Amino acid sequence: MDDLLASLESVIAAAGGTLWSWLVLPVVIGLGLYFTVRTGVVQLRMIPAMFSTLTDRTPADADGRPQSISAFGAFTVSAASRVGVGNIAGVATALAVGGPGAIFWMWTMAFIGGASSFIESTLGQLYKTKDSEGFRGGPAYYMQRGLGQRWMGILFAVLLITCFPFVFSSVQANTITATVTGAVGAEAPGWIPWAVAGTLAVLTALVIFGGIRRIASVTQAIVPAMALLYLLIGLVIVGINVGEVPRVFAEIYGSAFDPSSVAGGAIGTIILVGVQRGMFSNEAGLGSAPNAGASAAVTHPVKQGLVQTLGVYFDTFLICSITAFIILVTNPDLSAAERGVDLTQQAIVTTLGSGAGILLAVVIFLLAFSSILGNYYYGESNLAFITSSATARRVYRVLVIAAVVIGAVVSTSLVWTTADQVMGLMALVNLTAIALLSGVALKLLRDYRAQRAEGRDPVFTRDRLPEVRGVEQWQDELSVTGPIPTTRAKDAVHAGTQKAPRR
């Protein structure tokens, strides 16, 4: 059985190497640069607006209830998927395979990919639909509504369902198992993986049967707290080894262009690993974040595009960077390192003691669990695009739980290799769609800027871009903004910060 799995992994890795080198890598970099230029470097110039939009009032319906989850709620759902194994085990894998230079390329692609993330999440908001739980949307929806290609939407939906709730959630579960086993030590009993699998299965079932609002409430509680705790652990370790920081920066920038200093042995390997691990972690251009972004109730599609770009930065420049420094300040032997969480765990235990290994296991458990929830929602949203069958949804939930159980007990290397290749296919389909629809997103950006220039809080209605077809929501300003509290509206008009809402 082991030989069969090893052979399967070799075949997947060989096919995936060709896919990434000749197709995915050039498209990801090329389109990211194109979007950066066409948007006027939106990912840099509009950083202040990203933060202000994060705390926007959530529009209400006629009964005064929120139309859907808030901008911050959508941010945490997408962060739940982003902030997890990719930040901790994924960065360690990048260092093991590509050396310190891979971190430079992760940073570079986070900045370039910020423009791609803005385009895809803005489109996700524009072409969203509404159901009993709130708004729903994503690439499959803008492929059908914006491009008129339902077949393309179904293809993307199938790839996403395969990639996120099944393969990526298996990666999350696998890393939890590895961390718990590592925290217990060399004498860890063989039943630990099955105990982890059973615990995850029960917890996942308890949450996913409650819908997007329960998922959002859980992720809003877990993600910020665990991310902050992990950052604090990292800052303590970097502080203890502060004298090593200049060396670490020198290694990251120096080895980014020095093939002799990395395990991969070629600059192409460094760049490829940096882009792969960066995309796995921050998901920019992958087509996943628009599913969460579309679920938010906001007054202009661009607002959620900005929020999701901020999510890319939060993921890579904060969480991924602290992992890289946790590992590199301890000066590990990267030539003998294995893929997965081991490098991170060893660095923390070496600096802070065995008790810190247990704390890391708790952090990873909660972050990876929140990622499983975010992955589940992405898959459910795309399943709803394919079929509205209640039976299909129940079967899907069972299969998600089964994927978590399997991921917790199978080979780490096979899980990571499979994840990379499915992710590449998914990215290609999404990037093709947003390239074709980028003109629409640019029109939305111009509309947003024009309203900001007038001193307004931007509000989009579909009559502002009558030439754009396939838009279901955004009928009129009242339906978009919801009832505005009288005192607040009067104060805003009196202060000259926004015009009176059109009714």
Protein backbone atom coordinates (compact mmCIF):
# COMPACT_ATOMS: atom_id res chain seq x y z
CA MET A 1 0.00 0.00 0.00
CA ASP A 2 2.84 2.39 0.86
CA ASP A 3 4.49 1.74 -2.52
CA LEU A 4 1.21 2.47 -4.29
CA LEU A 5 0.78 5.77 -2.46
CA ALA A 6 4.40 6.73 -3.18
CA SER A 7 3.90 6.01 -6.89
CA LEU A 8 0.67 8.04 -6.91
CA GLU A 9 2.45 10.95 -5.26
CA SER A 10 5.27 10.83 -7.85
CA VAL A 11 2.79 10.94 -10.75
CA ILE A 12 0.85 13.85 -9.21
CA ALA A 13 4.06 15.77 -8.47
CA ALA A 14 5.42 15.29 -12.01
CA ALA A 15 2.19 16.44 -13.66
CA GLY A 16 1.88 19.33 -11.25
CA GLY A 17 5.43 20.53 -11.89
CA THR A 18 4.67 20.97 -15.57
CA LEU A 19 1.33 22.65 -14.83
CA TRP A 20 2.83 25.21 -12.48
CA SER A 21 6.02 25.94 -14.40
CA TRP A 22 4.47 26.43 -17.84
CA LEU A 23 0.95 27.66 -17.10
CA VAL A 24 0.07 28.75 -13.59
CA LEU A 25 3.23 30.68 -12.67
CA PRO A 26 3.33 32.90 -15.80
CA VAL A 27 -0.42 33.61 -15.61
CA VAL A 28 -0.38 34.45 -11.88
CA ILE A 29 2.54 36.85 -12.22
CA GLY A 30 1.48 38.35 -15.55
CA LEU A 31 -2.12 39.07 -14.59
CA GLY A 32 -1.11 40.34 -11.14
CA LEU A 33 1.18 42.91 -12.77
CA TYR A 34 -1.49 43.81 -15.35
CA PHE A 35 -4.13 44.40 -12.65
CA THR A 36 -1.63 46.40 -10.61
CA VAL A 37 -1.05 48.79 -13.51
CA ARG A 38 -4.70 49.04 -14.62
CA THR A 39 -5.98 49.77 -11.10
CA GLY A 40 -3.30 52.38 -10.45
CA VAL A 41 -1.71 50.20 -7.74
CA VAL A 42 -4.98 50.02 -5.80
CA GLN A 43 -3.42 47.57 -3.34
CA LEU A 44 -1.09 50.32 -2.10
CA ARG A 45 -2.88 53.62 -2.65
CA MET A 46 -6.13 52.59 -0.96
CA ILE A 47 -4.80 50.94 2.19
CA PRO A 48 -6.49 53.58 4.45
CA ALA A 49 -9.84 52.83 2.80
CA MET A 50 -9.32 49.10 3.47
CA PHE A 51 -9.21 49.72 7.21
CA SER A 52 -12.11 52.20 7.29
CA THR A 53 -14.35 49.86 5.25
CA LEU A 54 -13.70 47.01 7.67
CA THR A 55 -15.88 48.71 10.29
CA ASP A 56 -18.69 49.89 8.00
CA ARG A 57 -22.26 49.71 9.26
CA THR A 58 -23.99 46.56 7.99
CA PRO A 59 -27.05 47.45 5.87
CA ALA A 60 -30.34 46.20 7.31
CA ASP A 61 -33.49 44.88 5.69
CA ALA A 62 -36.98 46.36 6.05
CA ASP A 63 -37.36 44.68 9.47
CA GLY A 64 -34.14 46.20 10.77
CA ARG A 65 -32.18 42.92 10.69
CA PRO A 66 -28.78 42.69 8.98
CA GLN A 67 -29.18 41.76 5.31
CA SER A 68 -26.29 39.32 5.63
CA ILE A 69 -23.04 39.08 7.57
CA SER A 70 -20.97 42.23 8.07
CA ALA A 71 -17.86 43.29 6.14
CA PHE A 72 -15.84 42.26 9.19
CA GLY A 73 -17.68 38.94 9.38
CA ALA A 74 -16.82 38.19 5.73
CA PHE A 75 -13.24 39.21 6.47
CA THR A 76 -13.01 36.68 9.31
CA VAL A 77 -14.64 33.90 7.24
CA SER A 78 -12.04 34.42 4.51
CA ALA A 79 -9.32 34.84 7.14
CA ALA A 80 -10.47 31.56 8.70
CA SER A 81 -9.59 29.84 5.45
CA ARG A 82 -6.40 31.87 4.89
CA VAL A 83 -4.99 31.91 8.42
CA GLY A 84 -4.21 28.33 9.27
CA VAL A 85 -1.86 25.63 8.13
CA GLY A 86 -0.63 27.68 5.17
CA ASN A 87 0.83 30.27 7.54
CA ILE A 88 2.53 27.85 9.90
CA ALA A 89 3.20 24.56 8.10
CA GLY A 90 3.08 26.11 4.62
CA VAL A 91 5.83 28.61 5.37
CA ALA A 92 7.93 25.86 6.93
CA THR A 93 7.42 23.82 3.76
CA ALA A 94 8.49 26.79 1.63
CA LEU A 95 11.71 27.10 3.65
CA ALA A 96 12.39 23.36 3.48
CA VAL A 97 11.96 23.18 -0.30
CA GLY A 98 12.96 26.65 -1.52
CA GLY A 99 15.13 28.07 1.25
CA PRO A 100 14.88 31.58 2.78
CA GLY A 101 14.56 33.16 -0.68
CA ALA A 102 11.08 31.65 -1.03
CA ILE A 103 9.89 34.11 1.64
CA PHE A 104 10.94 37.05 -0.54
CA TRP A 105 8.81 35.66 -3.36
CA MET A 106 5.90 35.08 -0.99
CA TRP A 107 6.07 38.77 -0.03
CA THR A 108 6.38 39.85 -3.65
CA MET A 109 3.42 37.77 -4.76
CA ALA A 110 1.29 39.00 -1.85
CA PHE A 111 1.76 42.56 -3.09
CA ILE A 112 1.19 41.72 -6.76
CA GLY A 113 -1.64 39.33 -5.88
CA GLY A 114 -3.35 42.07 -3.86
CA ALA A 115 -4.54 43.56 -7.16
CA SER A 116 -5.89 40.18 -8.33
CA SER A 117 -7.66 39.74 -5.00
CA PHE A 118 -9.26 43.18 -5.37
CA ILE A 119 -10.59 42.36 -8.86
CA GLU A 120 -12.01 38.94 -7.96
CA SER A 121 -13.70 40.00 -4.72
CA THR A 122 -15.20 43.13 -6.29
CA LEU A 123 -16.69 40.95 -9.03
CA GLY A 124 -17.92 38.46 -6.44
CA GLN A 125 -19.88 41.24 -4.73
CA LEU A 126 -21.33 42.63 -7.96
CA TYR A 127 -22.74 39.33 -9.21
CA LYS A 128 -23.93 37.95 -5.85
CA THR A 129 -27.37 36.46 -5.26
CA LYS A 130 -29.56 36.19 -2.16
CA ASP A 131 -30.93 33.16 -0.32
CA SER A 132 -32.56 32.46 3.03
CA GLU A 133 -29.29 32.91 4.95
CA GLY A 134 -28.10 36.09 3.23
CA PHE A 135 -25.95 36.77 0.18
CA ARG A 136 -24.04 34.16 -1.76
CA GLY A 137 -21.65 34.41 -4.69
CA GLY A 138 -18.14 33.87 -6.00
CA PRO A 139 -16.34 32.98 -9.23
CA ALA A 140 -18.90 30.40 -10.36
CA TYR A 141 -21.57 33.09 -10.17
CA TYR A 142 -19.63 35.75 -12.07
CA MET A 143 -18.65 33.18 -14.71
CA GLN A 144 -22.32 32.48 -15.35
CA ARG A 145 -23.76 35.99 -14.87
CA GLY A 146 -20.87 38.07 -16.14
CA LEU A 147 -19.49 35.84 -18.91
CA GLY A 148 -22.67 33.88 -19.66
CA GLN A 149 -20.73 30.62 -19.32
CA ARG A 150 -22.47 28.32 -16.87
CA TRP A 151 -20.29 25.38 -17.89
CA MET A 152 -17.24 27.34 -16.76
CA GLY A 153 -18.93 28.12 -13.45
CA ILE A 154 -19.71 24.44 -12.90
CA LEU A 155 -16.13 23.46 -13.73
CA PHE A 156 -14.81 25.99 -11.23
CA ALA A 157 -17.33 24.91 -8.60
CA VAL A 158 -16.26 21.26 -8.94
CA LEU A 159 -12.58 22.21 -8.67
CA LEU A 160 -13.21 24.37 -5.61
CA ILE A 161 -15.27 21.70 -3.88
CA THR A 162 -12.47 19.22 -4.54
CA CYS A 163 -9.75 21.65 -3.49
CA PHE A 164 -11.02 23.39 -0.37
CA PRO A 165 -13.47 21.32 1.70
CA PHE A 166 -11.84 18.04 0.68
CA VAL A 167 -8.11 18.44 -0.10
CA PHE A 168 -7.27 21.62 1.85
CA SER A 169 -9.30 20.53 4.87
CA SER A 170 -7.36 17.26 4.77
CA VAL A 171 -4.16 19.32 4.93
CA GLN A 172 -5.49 21.20 7.96
CA ALA A 173 -6.43 17.97 9.74
CA ASN A 174 -3.10 16.38 8.83
CA THR A 175 -1.16 19.27 10.32
CA ILE A 176 -3.20 19.14 13.53
CA THR A 177 -2.27 15.47 13.87
CA ALA A 178 1.42 16.18 13.22
CA THR A 179 1.45 19.01 15.77
CA VAL A 180 -0.32 17.04 18.50
CA THR A 181 1.96 14.05 17.90
CA GLY A 182 5.02 16.30 18.02
CA ALA A 183 3.84 17.93 21.25
CA VAL A 184 3.40 14.52 22.91
CA GLY A 185 6.89 13.45 21.85
CA ALA A 186 8.64 10.45 20.35
CA GLU A 187 6.62 8.03 22.46
CA ALA A 188 3.28 9.26 21.11
CA PRO A 189 0.81 6.35 21.00
CA GLY A 190 -0.55 5.21 17.63
CA TRP A 191 -4.15 6.08 18.50
CA ILE A 192 -3.50 9.85 18.54
CA PRO A 193 -4.29 10.40 14.83
CA TRP A 194 -7.63 8.64 15.24
CA ALA A 195 -8.42 10.64 18.38
CA VAL A 196 -7.69 13.86 16.49
CA ALA A 197 -9.82 12.66 13.58
CA GLY A 198 -12.76 11.85 15.84
CA THR A 199 -12.58 15.15 17.71
CA LEU A 200 -12.43 17.16 14.49
CA ALA A 201 -15.32 15.23 12.98
CA VAL A 202 -17.59 15.97 15.94
CA LEU A 203 -16.65 19.67 16.20
CA THR A 204 -17.00 20.21 12.47
CA ALA A 205 -20.43 18.59 12.39
CA LEU A 206 -21.65 20.75 15.29
CA VAL A 207 -20.82 23.96 13.42
CA ILE A 208 -21.44 23.25 9.72
CA PHE A 209 -25.03 22.18 10.28
CA GLY A 210 -25.73 25.70 11.60
CA GLY A 211 -25.11 27.64 8.36
CA ILE A 212 -23.02 30.68 7.46
CA ARG A 213 -24.10 32.79 10.46
CA ARG A 214 -22.87 30.15 12.92
CA ILE A 215 -19.66 29.73 10.93
CA ALA A 216 -19.12 33.50 10.98
CA SER A 217 -19.78 33.71 14.72
CA VAL A 218 -17.27 30.94 15.45
CA THR A 219 -14.57 32.33 13.18
CA GLN A 220 -15.04 35.87 14.54
CA ALA A 221 -14.26 34.47 17.98
CA ILE A 222 -11.39 32.14 17.05
CA VAL A 223 -9.39 33.80 14.27
CA PRO A 224 -8.48 37.18 15.82
CA ALA A 225 -7.65 35.67 19.22
CA MET A 226 -5.51 32.82 17.90
CA ALA A 227 -3.77 35.00 15.31
CA LEU A 228 -2.89 37.50 18.06
CA LEU A 229 -1.63 34.73 20.36
CA TYR A 230 0.53 33.29 17.58
CA LEU A 231 1.93 36.74 16.77
CA LEU A 232 2.80 37.24 20.44
CA ILE A 233 4.61 33.89 20.56
CA GLY A 234 6.52 34.88 17.45
CA LEU A 235 7.43 38.33 18.77
CA VAL A 236 8.77 36.78 21.98
CA ILE A 237 10.95 34.35 20.01
CA VAL A 238 12.21 37.09 17.68
CA GLY A 239 12.85 39.33 20.70
CA ILE A 240 14.93 36.62 22.37
CA ASN A 241 16.95 36.21 19.17
CA VAL A 242 16.86 39.85 18.05
CA GLY A 243 20.57 39.79 17.22
CA GLU A 244 19.80 37.26 14.46
CA VAL A 245 17.27 39.49 12.66
CA PRO A 246 19.80 41.28 10.36
CA ARG A 247 21.17 37.88 9.30
CA VAL A 248 17.65 36.63 8.56
CA PHE A 249 16.85 39.60 6.33
CA ALA A 250 20.17 39.13 4.53
CA GLU A 251 19.38 35.44 3.93
CA ILE A 252 15.87 36.16 2.65
CA TYR A 253 16.94 38.81 0.16
CA GLY A 254 20.31 37.29 -0.71
CA SER A 255 19.10 33.75 -1.41
CA ALA A 256 16.08 34.97 -3.41
CA PHE A 257 18.43 35.27 -6.39
CA ASP A 258 21.19 32.85 -5.35
CA PRO A 259 20.51 29.27 -6.50
CA SER A 260 23.54 27.88 -4.66
CA SER A 261 22.03 28.70 -1.26
CA VAL A 262 18.77 26.79 -1.49
CA ALA A 263 17.75 23.17 -1.31
CA GLY A 264 15.96 23.39 -4.65
CA GLY A 265 19.15 24.34 -6.46
CA ALA A 266 17.58 26.73 -8.99
CA ILE A 267 16.05 30.19 -8.98
CA GLY A 268 13.00 28.75 -10.72
CA THR A 269 12.45 26.46 -7.74
CA ILE A 270 12.66 29.35 -5.28
CA ILE A 271 10.14 31.43 -7.20
CA LEU A 272 7.81 28.49 -7.83
CA VAL A 273 7.77 27.43 -4.18
CA GLY A 274 7.28 31.03 -3.03
CA VAL A 275 4.32 31.53 -5.35
CA GLN A 276 2.76 28.14 -4.50
CA ARG A 277 3.04 28.59 -0.75
CA GLY A 278 1.98 32.22 -1.02
CA MET A 279 -1.15 31.31 -2.98
CA PHE A 280 -1.94 28.42 -0.63
CA SER A 281 -1.69 30.82 2.28
CA ASN A 282 -3.22 34.14 1.11
CA GLU A 283 -5.35 32.71 -1.76
CA ALA A 284 -4.93 35.86 -3.90
CA GLY A 285 -6.33 35.15 -7.36
CA LEU A 286 -7.28 31.62 -6.42
CA GLY A 287 -11.02 32.31 -6.46
CA SER A 288 -11.77 31.29 -2.88
CA ALA A 289 -12.00 34.62 -1.03
CA PRO A 290 -14.74 36.00 -3.35
CA ASN A 291 -17.05 33.34 -1.95
CA ALA A 292 -16.70 34.89 1.50
CA GLY A 293 -16.57 38.44 0.14
CA ALA A 294 -19.85 37.98 -1.73
CA SER A 295 -21.61 36.97 1.49
CA ALA A 296 -21.12 40.42 3.05
CA ALA A 297 -23.75 43.17 3.04
CA VAL A 298 -21.94 46.34 1.89
CA THR A 299 -23.02 49.44 -0.02
CA HIS A 300 -20.52 49.18 -2.88
CA PRO A 301 -18.78 46.14 -4.46
CA VAL A 302 -15.39 47.86 -4.29
CA LYS A 303 -15.59 47.95 -0.49
CA GLN A 304 -15.36 44.19 -0.22
CA GLY A 305 -12.63 44.13 -2.84
CA LEU A 306 -10.61 46.40 -0.56
CA VAL A 307 -11.38 44.34 2.56
CA GLN A 308 -10.26 41.10 0.92
CA THR A 309 -7.04 42.73 -0.29
CA LEU A 310 -6.37 43.68 3.32
CA GLY A 311 -6.87 40.01 4.15
CA VAL A 312 -4.02 39.09 1.79
CA TYR A 313 -1.70 41.50 3.63
CA PHE A 314 -2.84 40.35 7.07
CA ASP A 315 -2.14 36.76 6.09
CA THR A 316 1.25 37.12 4.40
CA PHE A 317 2.98 40.19 5.80
CA LEU A 318 1.95 39.45 9.40
CA ILE A 319 1.25 35.76 10.03
CA CYS A 320 3.50 34.19 7.38
CA SER A 321 6.35 36.58 8.12
CA ILE A 322 6.32 35.83 11.83
CA THR A 323 6.52 32.10 11.04
CA ALA A 324 9.51 32.66 8.77
CA PHE A 325 11.31 34.64 11.48
CA ILE A 326 10.41 32.11 14.21
CA ILE A 327 12.20 29.46 12.15
CA LEU A 328 15.10 31.42 10.68
CA VAL A 329 16.28 33.16 13.87
CA THR A 330 17.06 29.71 15.30
CA ASN A 331 19.39 29.06 12.30
CA PRO A 332 18.03 25.59 11.42
CA ASP A 333 19.52 23.10 8.95
CA LEU A 334 17.12 23.55 6.04
CA SER A 335 18.87 20.99 3.83
CA ALA A 336 17.56 18.14 5.97
CA ALA A 337 14.14 19.62 6.76
CA GLU A 338 10.89 17.84 5.89
CA ARG A 339 7.74 19.39 4.47
CA GLY A 340 5.14 20.28 7.07
CA VAL A 341 4.95 21.81 10.51
CA ASP A 342 8.10 20.22 12.02
CA LEU A 343 10.42 23.19 11.38
CA THR A 344 8.06 25.62 13.11
CA GLN A 345 7.47 23.31 16.03
CA GLN A 346 11.18 22.62 16.56
CA ALA A 347 12.02 26.32 16.48
CA ILE A 348 9.40 27.17 19.10
CA VAL A 349 10.33 24.28 21.40
CA THR A 350 14.05 25.03 21.06
CA THR A 351 13.52 28.64 22.14
CA LEU A 352 10.68 28.43 24.65
CA GLY A 353 10.71 24.82 25.88
CA SER A 354 8.41 21.83 25.52
CA GLY A 355 5.46 23.65 27.08
CA ALA A 356 5.43 26.03 24.11
CA GLY A 357 5.01 23.01 21.82
CA ILE A 358 1.74 22.23 23.58
CA LEU A 359 0.64 25.86 23.26
CA LEU A 360 1.45 25.75 19.53
CA ALA A 361 -0.62 22.59 19.20
CA VAL A 362 -3.62 24.44 20.70
CA VAL A 363 -3.11 27.44 18.39
CA ILE A 364 -2.79 25.25 15.30
CA PHE A 365 -5.78 23.16 16.32
CA LEU A 366 -8.03 26.21 16.58
CA LEU A 367 -6.68 27.99 13.49
CA ALA A 368 -6.82 24.84 11.37
CA PHE A 369 -10.31 24.08 12.67
CA SER A 370 -11.48 27.57 11.69
CA SER A 371 -9.93 26.97 8.25
CA ILE A 372 -11.95 23.77 7.91
CA LEU A 373 -15.09 25.81 8.61
CA GLY A 374 -14.15 28.45 6.06
CA ASN A 375 -13.34 25.76 3.50
CA TYR A 376 -16.68 24.11 4.16
CA TYR A 377 -18.56 27.33 3.46
CA TYR A 378 -16.70 27.88 0.20
CA GLY A 379 -17.70 24.41 -0.94
CA GLU A 380 -21.30 24.78 0.17
CA SER A 381 -21.66 28.06 -1.72
CA ASN A 382 -20.43 26.38 -4.89
CA LEU A 383 -22.55 23.29 -4.39
CA ALA A 384 -25.58 25.60 -4.22
CA PHE A 385 -24.53 26.99 -7.59
CA ILE A 386 -24.67 23.49 -9.11
CA THR A 387 -27.80 22.20 -7.37
CA SER A 388 -30.33 23.25 -4.73
CA SER A 389 -30.95 19.65 -3.65
CA ALA A 390 -31.17 19.26 0.12
CA THR A 391 -29.99 15.67 -0.25
CA ALA A 392 -26.87 16.82 -2.09
CA ARG A 393 -26.11 19.24 0.72
CA ARG A 394 -26.45 16.51 3.36
CA VAL A 395 -24.19 14.16 1.38
CA TYR A 396 -21.68 16.99 0.95
CA ARG A 397 -21.56 17.61 4.71
CA VAL A 398 -20.89 13.92 5.37
CA LEU A 399 -18.11 13.87 2.77
CA VAL A 400 -16.49 16.97 4.31
CA ILE A 401 -16.39 15.25 7.69
CA ALA A 402 -14.97 12.10 6.03
CA ALA A 403 -12.24 14.18 4.33
CA VAL A 404 -11.23 15.61 7.71
CA VAL A 405 -11.00 12.12 9.19
CA ILE A 406 -8.94 10.77 6.27
CA GLY A 407 -6.64 13.81 6.25
CA ALA A 408 -5.84 13.32 9.92
CA VAL A 409 -4.42 9.83 9.35
CA VAL A 410 -2.78 9.75 5.88
CA SER A 411 0.69 10.72 4.60
CA THR A 412 1.62 14.38 4.98
CA SER A 413 3.60 14.47 1.73
CA LEU A 414 0.78 13.03 -0.39
CA VAL A 415 -1.75 15.51 1.01
CA TRP A 416 0.47 18.54 0.29
CA THR A 417 1.36 17.37 -3.23
CA THR A 418 -2.29 16.82 -4.15
CA ALA A 419 -3.29 20.20 -2.70
CA ASP A 420 -0.75 22.06 -4.85
CA GLN A 421 -1.92 20.56 -8.12
CA VAL A 422 -5.68 20.97 -7.57
CA MET A 423 -5.01 24.55 -6.47
CA GLY A 424 -3.17 25.24 -9.74
CA LEU A 425 -6.10 24.08 -11.88
CA MET A 426 -8.56 26.12 -9.85
CA ALA A 427 -6.41 29.27 -10.11
CA LEU A 428 -6.16 28.95 -13.91
CA VAL A 429 -9.93 28.85 -14.38
CA ASN A 430 -10.54 31.79 -12.03
CA LEU A 431 -7.74 33.96 -13.42
CA THR A 432 -9.08 33.46 -16.94
CA ALA A 433 -12.50 34.67 -15.83
CA ILE A 434 -11.32 37.75 -13.94
CA ALA A 435 -9.07 38.71 -16.85
CA LEU A 436 -12.11 38.73 -19.12
CA LEU A 437 -14.25 40.63 -16.58
CA SER A 438 -11.58 43.02 -15.30
CA GLY A 439 -13.06 45.90 -17.32
CA VAL A 440 -16.22 45.70 -15.20
CA ALA A 441 -14.23 45.81 -11.96
CA LEU A 442 -12.29 48.84 -13.23
CA LYS A 443 -15.57 50.66 -13.98
CA LEU A 444 -16.71 49.93 -10.43
CA LEU A 445 -13.43 51.30 -9.07
CA ARG A 446 -13.87 54.52 -11.07
CA ASP A 447 -17.43 54.86 -9.76
CA TYR A 448 -16.23 54.35 -6.19
CA ARG A 449 -13.49 56.96 -6.55
CA ALA A 450 -15.88 59.44 -8.15
CA GLN A 451 -18.31 59.19 -5.23
CA ARG A 452 -15.46 59.50 -2.73
CA ALA A 453 -14.30 62.63 -4.56
CA GLU A 454 -17.80 64.08 -4.07
CA GLY A 455 -17.49 63.52 -0.33
CA ARG A 456 -19.96 60.62 -0.30
CA ASP A 457 -19.90 57.25 1.34
CA PRO A 458 -20.05 55.30 -1.97
CA VAL A 459 -23.30 53.50 -2.75
CA PHE A 460 -23.65 51.45 -5.91
CA THR A 461 -26.89 50.76 -7.77
CA ARG A 462 -27.03 48.89 -11.04
CA ASP A 463 -28.37 51.90 -12.94
CA ARG A 464 -24.95 53.50 -12.48
CA LEU A 465 -23.53 50.92 -14.92
CA PRO A 466 -26.55 50.08 -17.09
CA GLU A 467 -24.40 48.40 -19.74
CA VAL A 468 -23.32 45.65 -17.32
CA ARG A 469 -25.61 42.61 -17.61
CA GLY A 470 -26.32 39.75 -15.22
CA VAL A 471 -26.51 41.85 -12.02
CA GLU A 472 -29.27 40.56 -9.74
CA GLN A 473 -28.86 42.70 -6.61
CA TRP A 474 -28.17 46.46 -6.26
CA GLN A 475 -31.67 47.43 -7.47
CA ASP A 476 -31.90 50.86 -5.80
CA GLU A 477 -30.25 52.84 -3.05
CA LEU A 478 -32.82 52.02 -0.38
CA SER A 479 -32.42 48.27 -0.90
CA VAL A 480 -28.62 48.62 -0.84
CA THR A 481 -28.19 50.84 2.22
CA GLY A 482 -31.21 49.67 4.18
CA PRO A 483 -32.92 51.98 6.65
CA ILE A 484 -30.36 54.54 7.83
CA PRO A 485 -30.73 55.74 11.44
CA THR A 486 -32.36 59.18 11.21
CA THR A 487 -29.97 60.99 13.55
CA ARG A 488 -26.88 59.58 11.88
CA ALA A 489 -28.13 60.46 8.40
CA LYS A 490 -29.01 64.03 9.43
CA ASP A 491 -25.68 64.52 11.15
CA ALA A 492 -23.81 63.26 8.08
CA VAL A 493 -25.69 65.58 5.75
CA HIS A 494 -25.24 68.51 8.14
CA ALA A 495 -21.49 67.81 8.35
CA GLY A 496 -21.30 67.71 4.56
CA THR A 497 -19.71 64.25 4.57
CA GLN A 498 -22.41 62.61 2.47
CA LYS A 499 -25.35 63.60 0.37
CA ALA A 500 -28.86 62.76 1.48
CA PRO A 501 -29.74 59.25 0.28
CA ARG A 502 -31.80 59.06 -2.91
CA ARG A 503 -35.16 57.45 -2.25
